[in-house]
Each structure stands twice: as structure tokens, then as C-alpha cells.
Amino acid sequence: MNVGSWLFLLDFALVFYVLGATFVEGFVNYRTWHLIGSAEFRVYHRAVSPKIIQFLVAPHSLTLVLTLGLLWWRPAAVPLWAIWISFALNLLPVVVTAVSQVPIQLEFDRSGMSSSALHRLVRMDWLRSIPHGINAVLFIWAMSRVICEGDVVDRGAGEAAVRGNDAVVCALGAPNLLKRDTALVVGMHNILLTMELEGVSRLSYLSADTVRDARDQLNPLRKVFVPLIFRSSSADHELIEAMIKSSRLDWSIVRPPMLTNEAPTGHYRSGKHLQASSIIPRLSRADLASFMLEELNDGSLVHEAVEVMP
């Protein structure tokens, strides 16, 4: 994950921690103080105050710092206005605490228990609890944008994903390579149709070097096993490639070999009918992503289907 994702995840966790700590303090702690004897209350209050600073004030302060960081580094799915609202919601309890809560707490230290002071404390505490609650709801909404389950068959979801963008990179893959997946074909049809309707013309599609058009360069071993093992997934890719080629889009088709999660090397080849340098060629996903983004920007392979090899 990148810096923005880590900041968002840590802030998300702290927002709910602070919400829970605030509710415990306001709805459990404050509302039972009247049960403590007057003689013991001042000693109790002086003992508990440092704990509140450690376990509530300090985490809340860190939440403010993390939220400020999200103004510069945040997940792309989270809009800037949401971070500003979150910062304001975090800042409001600080103002309420400084203006009303701290003077009352200091009064407790000086004079001990006071029913009227406790009543004011409980009454004003809502001005801290409500912003924390709204902020938690806001972060749930933001998290739903960061982590969401897509449905490529859902035409509306596809339109929302495509609308307003300059290009589409499609890396759909079947969960099972041994059988056909109609959802991929239907989903790709929806994407192509939506792109044409929305006026988004640039498409980069991730296929595979197992399609029939790319098998001439396979070594003898892969020529035997590829049609047997990858027949179904290759058939889906071939059908989708045909759909793409018949569209009015500025498309590019990329056909890599087996993909790995290894670190990027920066060394790869691209072109038509490339010969593999090993029996089972493997390319890192990072190198493939680098190539696809580079090709997407320079547009040198529009209306071309190419292989990418290590």
C-alpha cells in the first residue's frame, strides 16, 4: 500500500477508537461521578485526569495530525472535501473541550464535586460526542469507496467507473482458468458500450499470450500444453479481443506470459510474435503495469496487439 492508504487506514482505526473512548468517558465515566463521595472525589479526579490525556487526548491529537496528512496523501477514491469535513469534525471537540470542559475540570480539581458543574459537563459533552459520531459515519462512507466489491456485469457500476475518465485499463481475469466465464464477456461488452456512449476512447486491455493469434511463437512444450490447459480462458480472451477490434475505440491489446508478484526489473520486451527466452517465461506484474501505463500515455500501440516478454 502507498502512504495515502496507510494514513487512511490508521486514521480510520483511530477515529473509531476515539469515538469509543469519548462515549465511555461521557456516558459511563461522567454519569457515575455523583456516586463517588465528596471526600474521595478530588483525589480520584486528580488521578484519572492524566489517564484521560494518555488514552483520549493524545489519540485524538494524533487523529488530527493524520487527517491533516490526508489532505496531501489520501486514497484516490476519497474526495478532498470529505477530508476537510473530517478535519472540521475533529477540531470541533477540541474547541468545545478548551472552552467549556477544561474550565469545569479545573473547577473539580480546586473545589471537588459539584452537582451543578457535573450537570454542565454532561450537557456540553454532546457537542463532543456528536461530531465524533458523524466523523465515524463519514469514514465508513469513505472506506466503502476505498474497498468496494465491483460487479462488471452491473451496467450502472461500469458507467460510474468509466464516466469522467480519459482512459480505461481493463485487467479482468477469470477465477477459474479451466472453464468459460460469461461474466467476463458480458462485462467487457458493457465496458465497450459505456466507453463509446461516454466518449472515452482510449482502452488498454490485458489479454494473454495463450490466445490463438499468439501461439506461433510458443516453444514446443507450451504449444502442447497451452491449448489443453488454457483452452477456456483463451477462448474468452479471443472473443473479447474480437469485440475490441470491432469497436470504434483507440484500443491496445497486451499479451503477457505467466505473471508473478516479483519486484520490478525495468527490463522487458514488447512486440509481435516475440520468442520467449525460457521454457516457461514469467513477467512481474509491476513490469507489466509499467509497460501498460507507458503505452497508454504515448499511444504508440493504438490498434495493435503485442506480446510483452522478460
Protein backbone atom coordinates (compact mmCIF):
# COMPACT_ATOMS: atom_id res chain seq x y z
CA MET A 1 0.00 0.00 0.00
CA ASN A 2 1.08 3.59 -0.58
CA VAL A 3 1.44 6.37 2.00
CA GLY A 4 -2.10 7.62 1.48
CA SER A 5 -3.59 4.18 2.06
CA TRP A 6 -1.64 3.68 5.29
CA LEU A 7 -2.59 7.13 6.58
CA PHE A 8 -6.25 6.48 5.79
CA LEU A 9 -6.20 3.05 7.46
CA LEU A 10 -4.55 4.37 10.64
CA ASP A 11 -6.88 7.37 10.74
CA PHE A 12 -9.89 5.09 10.23
CA ALA A 13 -8.86 2.96 13.23
CA LEU A 14 -8.17 5.99 15.44
CA VAL A 15 -11.48 7.65 14.56
CA PHE A 16 -13.36 4.67 15.96
CA TYR A 17 -11.04 4.34 18.94
CA VAL A 18 -11.60 8.00 19.85
CA LEU A 19 -15.35 7.60 19.31
CA GLY A 20 -15.45 4.67 21.73
CA ALA A 21 -13.22 6.39 24.30
CA THR A 22 -15.36 9.54 24.13
CA PHE A 23 -18.56 7.56 24.67
CA VAL A 24 -17.04 5.69 27.63
CA GLU A 25 -15.94 8.95 29.19
CA GLY A 26 -19.21 10.78 28.55
CA PHE A 27 -21.81 8.05 29.06
CA VAL A 28 -20.09 5.86 31.65
CA ASN A 29 -17.50 7.92 33.49
CA TYR A 30 -19.21 11.31 33.85
CA ARG A 31 -22.61 9.81 34.65
CA THR A 32 -21.29 7.81 37.61
CA TRP A 33 -19.21 10.55 39.24
CA HIS A 34 -22.11 11.50 41.52
CA LEU A 35 -21.73 8.11 43.19
CA ILE A 36 -18.24 8.99 44.44
CA GLY A 37 -18.08 10.55 47.89
CA SER A 38 -17.14 14.21 48.14
CA ALA A 39 -14.07 13.46 50.23
CA GLU A 40 -12.70 10.94 47.75
CA PHE A 41 -13.68 12.68 44.53
CA ARG A 42 -10.86 15.23 44.42
CA VAL A 43 -8.21 12.50 44.84
CA TYR A 44 -9.95 10.34 42.25
CA HIS A 45 -10.25 13.20 39.75
CA ARG A 46 -6.59 14.15 40.04
CA ALA A 47 -5.61 10.50 39.49
CA VAL A 48 -7.85 9.92 36.47
CA SER A 49 -7.05 13.16 34.61
CA PRO A 50 -3.58 12.06 33.37
CA LYS A 51 -5.12 8.80 32.12
CA ILE A 52 -7.65 10.78 30.06
CA ILE A 53 -4.79 12.71 28.49
CA GLN A 54 -2.92 9.49 27.65
CA PHE A 55 -5.82 7.44 26.34
CA LEU A 56 -8.13 10.05 24.82
CA VAL A 57 -6.50 13.44 24.29
CA ALA A 58 -3.28 12.04 22.78
CA PRO A 59 -5.03 9.66 20.32
CA HIS A 60 -7.41 12.45 19.31
CA SER A 61 -4.46 14.75 18.67
CA LEU A 62 -2.86 12.05 16.51
CA THR A 63 -6.15 11.76 14.59
CA LEU A 64 -5.95 15.46 13.79
CA VAL A 65 -2.38 15.06 12.52
CA LEU A 66 -3.29 12.05 10.35
CA THR A 67 -6.32 13.85 8.93
CA LEU A 68 -4.10 16.80 8.03
CA GLY A 69 -1.77 14.36 6.27
CA LEU A 70 -4.70 13.04 4.23
CA LEU A 71 -5.09 16.49 2.71
CA TRP A 72 -1.89 15.73 0.78
CA TRP A 73 -1.77 11.91 0.75
CA ARG A 74 -5.04 10.05 0.54
CA PRO A 75 -6.60 7.21 -1.49
CA ALA A 76 -7.76 8.44 -4.90
CA ALA A 77 -11.33 7.29 -4.17
CA VAL A 78 -11.66 9.65 -1.19
CA PRO A 79 -12.59 13.22 -2.24
CA LEU A 80 -10.75 16.18 -0.74
CA TRP A 81 -13.92 17.75 0.61
CA ALA A 82 -14.51 14.69 2.82
CA ILE A 83 -11.11 15.16 4.46
CA TRP A 84 -11.82 18.84 5.14
CA ILE A 85 -15.15 17.93 6.75
CA SER A 86 -13.44 15.25 8.83
CA PHE A 87 -10.82 17.74 9.99
CA ALA A 88 -13.55 20.21 10.99
CA LEU A 89 -15.43 17.47 12.87
CA ASN A 90 -12.20 16.58 14.70
CA LEU A 91 -11.47 20.21 15.50
CA LEU A 92 -14.91 20.99 16.96
CA PRO A 93 -14.48 18.72 20.05
CA VAL A 94 -11.10 20.37 20.68
CA VAL A 95 -12.76 23.80 20.75
CA VAL A 96 -15.58 22.55 22.98
CA THR A 97 -13.08 20.93 25.35
CA ALA A 98 -10.94 24.06 25.58
CA VAL A 99 -13.87 26.46 26.03
CA SER A 100 -16.18 24.51 28.34
CA GLN A 101 -14.77 21.16 29.51
CA VAL A 102 -11.32 22.21 30.72
CA PRO A 103 -12.62 25.05 32.98
CA ILE A 104 -15.10 22.65 34.58
CA GLN A 105 -12.42 20.01 35.11
CA LEU A 106 -10.15 22.60 36.74
CA GLU A 107 -13.06 23.58 38.98
CA PHE A 108 -13.33 19.96 40.11
CA ASP A 109 -9.62 19.96 40.98
CA ARG A 110 -10.00 23.10 43.06
CA SER A 111 -13.34 22.59 44.75
CA GLY A 112 -14.19 18.92 44.46
CA MET A 113 -17.54 17.53 43.37
CA SER A 114 -20.21 19.99 42.33
CA SER A 115 -23.58 18.81 41.07
CA SER A 116 -24.12 21.94 39.00
CA ALA A 117 -20.65 21.65 37.42
CA LEU A 118 -21.22 17.97 36.65
CA HIS A 119 -24.57 18.80 35.06
CA ARG A 120 -22.89 21.40 32.81
CA LEU A 121 -20.15 18.90 31.93
CA VAL A 122 -22.63 16.20 30.86
CA ARG A 123 -24.77 18.70 28.95
CA MET A 124 -21.83 20.12 26.97
CA ASP A 125 -20.38 16.68 26.28
CA TRP A 126 -22.92 16.16 23.47
CA LEU A 127 -21.03 18.81 21.50
CA ARG A 128 -18.06 16.43 21.51
CA SER A 129 -19.86 13.12 21.06
CA ILE A 130 -21.99 14.14 18.06
CA PRO A 131 -19.07 15.34 15.86
CA HIS A 132 -17.14 12.16 16.66
CA GLY A 133 -20.18 10.08 15.64
CA ILE A 134 -20.67 11.99 12.38
CA ASN A 135 -16.96 11.64 11.64
CA ALA A 136 -17.18 7.86 12.13
CA VAL A 137 -20.09 7.68 9.67
CA LEU A 138 -18.09 9.79 7.21
CA PHE A 139 -15.14 7.40 7.46
CA ILE A 140 -17.40 4.39 6.91
CA TRP A 141 -18.61 6.05 3.72
CA ALA A 142 -15.04 6.84 2.67
CA MET A 143 -13.94 3.26 3.38
CA SER A 144 -16.82 1.99 1.23
CA ARG A 145 -15.30 3.95 -1.65
CA VAL A 146 -11.80 2.62 -0.99
CA ILE A 147 -12.80 -1.01 -0.50
CA CYS A 148 -15.72 -1.94 -2.72
CA GLU A 149 -16.78 -5.12 -4.45
CA GLY A 150 -17.18 -4.45 -8.14
CA ASP A 151 -19.63 -6.19 -10.42
CA VAL A 152 -18.54 -5.97 -14.03
CA VAL A 153 -21.93 -7.25 -15.19
CA ASP A 154 -23.65 -4.32 -13.48
CA ARG A 155 -24.05 -1.77 -16.27
CA GLY A 156 -24.60 1.09 -13.83
CA ALA A 157 -21.42 0.30 -11.90
CA GLY A 158 -19.47 0.23 -15.15
CA GLU A 159 -20.86 3.60 -16.21
CA ALA A 160 -19.91 5.13 -12.86
CA ALA A 161 -16.36 3.77 -13.18
CA VAL A 162 -15.85 4.97 -16.76
CA ARG A 163 -17.61 8.35 -16.61
CA GLY A 164 -15.28 11.33 -16.38
CA ASN A 165 -12.06 9.43 -17.09
CA ASP A 166 -9.65 9.82 -20.00
CA ALA A 167 -8.87 6.14 -20.50
CA VAL A 168 -9.69 2.64 -19.31
CA VAL A 169 -7.20 -0.07 -18.35
CA CYS A 170 -9.00 -3.40 -18.26
CA ALA A 171 -7.36 -6.31 -16.41
CA LEU A 172 -10.34 -8.60 -15.94
CA GLY A 173 -9.45 -12.20 -15.16
CA ALA A 174 -11.38 -15.42 -14.74
CA PRO A 175 -11.43 -17.04 -11.28
CA ASN A 176 -11.10 -20.45 -12.90
CA LEU A 177 -8.89 -20.91 -15.98
CA LEU A 178 -10.40 -24.32 -16.73
CA LYS A 179 -13.88 -23.14 -17.70
CA ARG A 180 -15.51 -20.32 -19.66
CA ASP A 181 -16.71 -17.25 -17.76
CA THR A 182 -19.60 -15.49 -19.46
CA ALA A 183 -19.48 -12.67 -16.89
CA LEU A 184 -16.15 -11.51 -18.32
CA VAL A 185 -17.53 -11.34 -21.84
CA VAL A 186 -20.75 -9.59 -20.76
CA GLY A 187 -18.77 -7.23 -18.57
CA MET A 188 -16.39 -6.34 -21.37
CA HIS A 189 -19.35 -5.71 -23.66
CA ASN A 190 -20.73 -3.29 -21.05
CA ILE A 191 -17.37 -1.53 -20.76
CA LEU A 192 -17.01 -1.09 -24.52
CA LEU A 193 -20.57 0.18 -24.89
CA THR A 194 -20.19 2.57 -21.96
CA MET A 195 -16.89 3.92 -23.28
CA GLU A 196 -18.45 4.72 -26.65
CA LEU A 197 -21.50 6.34 -25.04
CA GLU A 198 -19.38 8.41 -22.62
CA GLY A 199 -16.86 9.44 -25.26
CA VAL A 200 -13.91 7.73 -23.54
CA SER A 201 -11.94 6.37 -26.47
CA ARG A 202 -8.63 5.09 -25.05
CA LEU A 203 -8.55 1.44 -23.95
CA SER A 204 -5.72 -0.85 -22.89
CA TYR A 205 -6.81 -4.47 -22.49
CA LEU A 206 -4.84 -7.17 -20.68
CA SER A 207 -5.11 -10.40 -22.62
CA ALA A 208 -2.66 -13.34 -22.59
CA ASP A 209 -0.07 -14.88 -24.89
CA THR A 210 -2.14 -18.08 -24.91
CA VAL A 211 -4.66 -16.78 -27.48
CA ARG A 212 -4.61 -18.50 -30.84
CA ASP A 213 -3.17 -15.48 -32.67
CA ALA A 214 -0.09 -15.50 -30.40
CA ARG A 215 0.68 -19.23 -30.27
CA ASP A 216 3.08 -19.32 -33.22
CA GLN A 217 5.95 -18.07 -31.06
CA LEU A 218 5.34 -20.60 -28.27
CA ASN A 219 8.04 -23.22 -27.67
CA PRO A 220 7.11 -26.86 -28.42
CA LEU A 221 6.29 -27.63 -24.79
CA ARG A 222 3.89 -24.71 -24.41
CA LYS A 223 2.33 -25.42 -27.82
CA VAL A 224 1.28 -28.82 -26.46
CA PHE A 225 0.01 -27.77 -23.02
CA VAL A 226 -1.45 -24.30 -23.64
CA PRO A 227 -4.38 -25.50 -25.81
CA LEU A 228 -5.14 -28.21 -23.25
CA ILE A 229 -4.89 -26.23 -20.02
CA PHE A 230 -5.88 -22.71 -21.12
CA ARG A 231 -8.44 -23.55 -23.77
CA SER A 232 -11.38 -21.98 -21.91
CA SER A 233 -9.67 -18.81 -20.68
CA SER A 234 -8.03 -18.33 -24.09
CA ALA A 235 -11.39 -18.65 -25.81
CA ASP A 236 -12.80 -15.86 -23.60
CA HIS A 237 -9.81 -13.63 -24.39
CA GLU A 238 -10.15 -14.35 -28.12
CA LEU A 239 -13.83 -13.41 -28.09
CA ILE A 240 -13.15 -10.23 -26.12
CA GLU A 241 -10.27 -9.28 -28.44
CA ALA A 242 -12.60 -9.66 -31.42
CA MET A 243 -15.16 -7.40 -29.71
CA ILE A 244 -12.49 -4.79 -29.01
CA LYS A 245 -11.15 -4.83 -32.58
CA SER A 246 -14.64 -4.29 -33.97
CA SER A 247 -15.24 -1.27 -31.70
CA ARG A 248 -14.63 2.37 -32.58
CA LEU A 249 -12.19 2.84 -29.70
CA ASP A 250 -8.46 3.61 -29.71
CA TRP A 251 -7.56 0.24 -28.28
CA SER A 252 -4.36 -1.62 -27.45
CA ILE A 253 -4.15 -5.29 -26.52
CA VAL A 254 -1.31 -6.55 -24.33
CA ARG A 255 -0.48 -10.27 -24.18
CA PRO A 256 1.91 -11.20 -21.36
CA PRO A 257 3.11 -14.68 -20.33
CA MET A 258 2.77 -16.06 -16.79
CA LEU A 259 2.65 -13.22 -14.26
CA THR A 260 4.44 -13.11 -10.90
CA ASN A 261 4.49 -10.87 -7.83
CA GLU A 262 8.24 -10.33 -8.03
CA ALA A 263 9.85 -6.89 -7.78
CA PRO A 264 10.00 -4.80 -10.97
CA THR A 265 13.15 -5.18 -13.06
CA GLY A 266 12.55 -2.49 -15.65
CA HIS A 267 13.70 -4.92 -18.32
CA TYR A 268 11.12 -6.31 -20.73
CA ARG A 269 10.50 -6.58 -24.45
CA SER A 270 7.38 -5.81 -26.44
CA GLY A 271 6.37 -6.56 -29.99
CA LYS A 272 4.57 -9.05 -32.20
CA HIS A 273 5.36 -12.76 -32.13
CA LEU A 274 8.21 -12.47 -29.63
CA GLN A 275 10.21 -15.60 -28.87
CA ALA A 276 10.48 -16.49 -25.19
CA SER A 277 13.94 -16.69 -23.65
CA SER A 278 12.95 -19.54 -21.31
CA ILE A 279 10.75 -22.63 -21.37
CA ILE A 280 8.11 -21.01 -19.19
CA PRO A 281 8.56 -17.21 -19.44
CA ARG A 282 7.46 -15.16 -16.46
CA LEU A 283 6.90 -11.42 -16.15
CA SER A 284 6.36 -9.44 -12.96
CA ARG A 285 3.05 -7.66 -12.62
CA ALA A 286 4.95 -4.49 -11.74
CA ASP A 287 6.84 -4.56 -15.04
CA LEU A 288 3.62 -5.27 -16.91
CA ALA A 289 1.87 -2.34 -15.21
CA SER A 290 4.80 -0.08 -16.08
CA PHE A 291 4.60 -1.08 -19.73
CA MET A 292 0.82 -0.66 -19.95
CA LEU A 293 0.89 2.80 -18.37
CA GLU A 294 3.77 3.90 -20.59
CA GLU A 295 1.99 2.63 -23.68
CA LEU A 296 -1.26 4.24 -22.56
CA ASN A 297 0.44 7.64 -22.32
CA ASP A 298 2.43 7.64 -25.56
CA GLY A 299 -0.25 5.93 -27.69
CA SER A 300 2.35 4.21 -29.86
CA LEU A 301 0.45 0.92 -29.98
CA VAL A 302 -3.07 2.11 -30.80
CA HIS A 303 -4.91 -0.60 -32.78
CA GLU A 304 -2.08 -3.05 -32.08
CA ALA A 305 -1.94 -6.37 -30.19
CA VAL A 306 1.52 -7.08 -28.80
CA GLU A 307 3.30 -9.57 -26.58
CA VAL A 308 5.38 -8.50 -23.57
CA MET A 309 8.27 -10.73 -22.58
CA PRO A 310 11.01 -10.54 -19.92
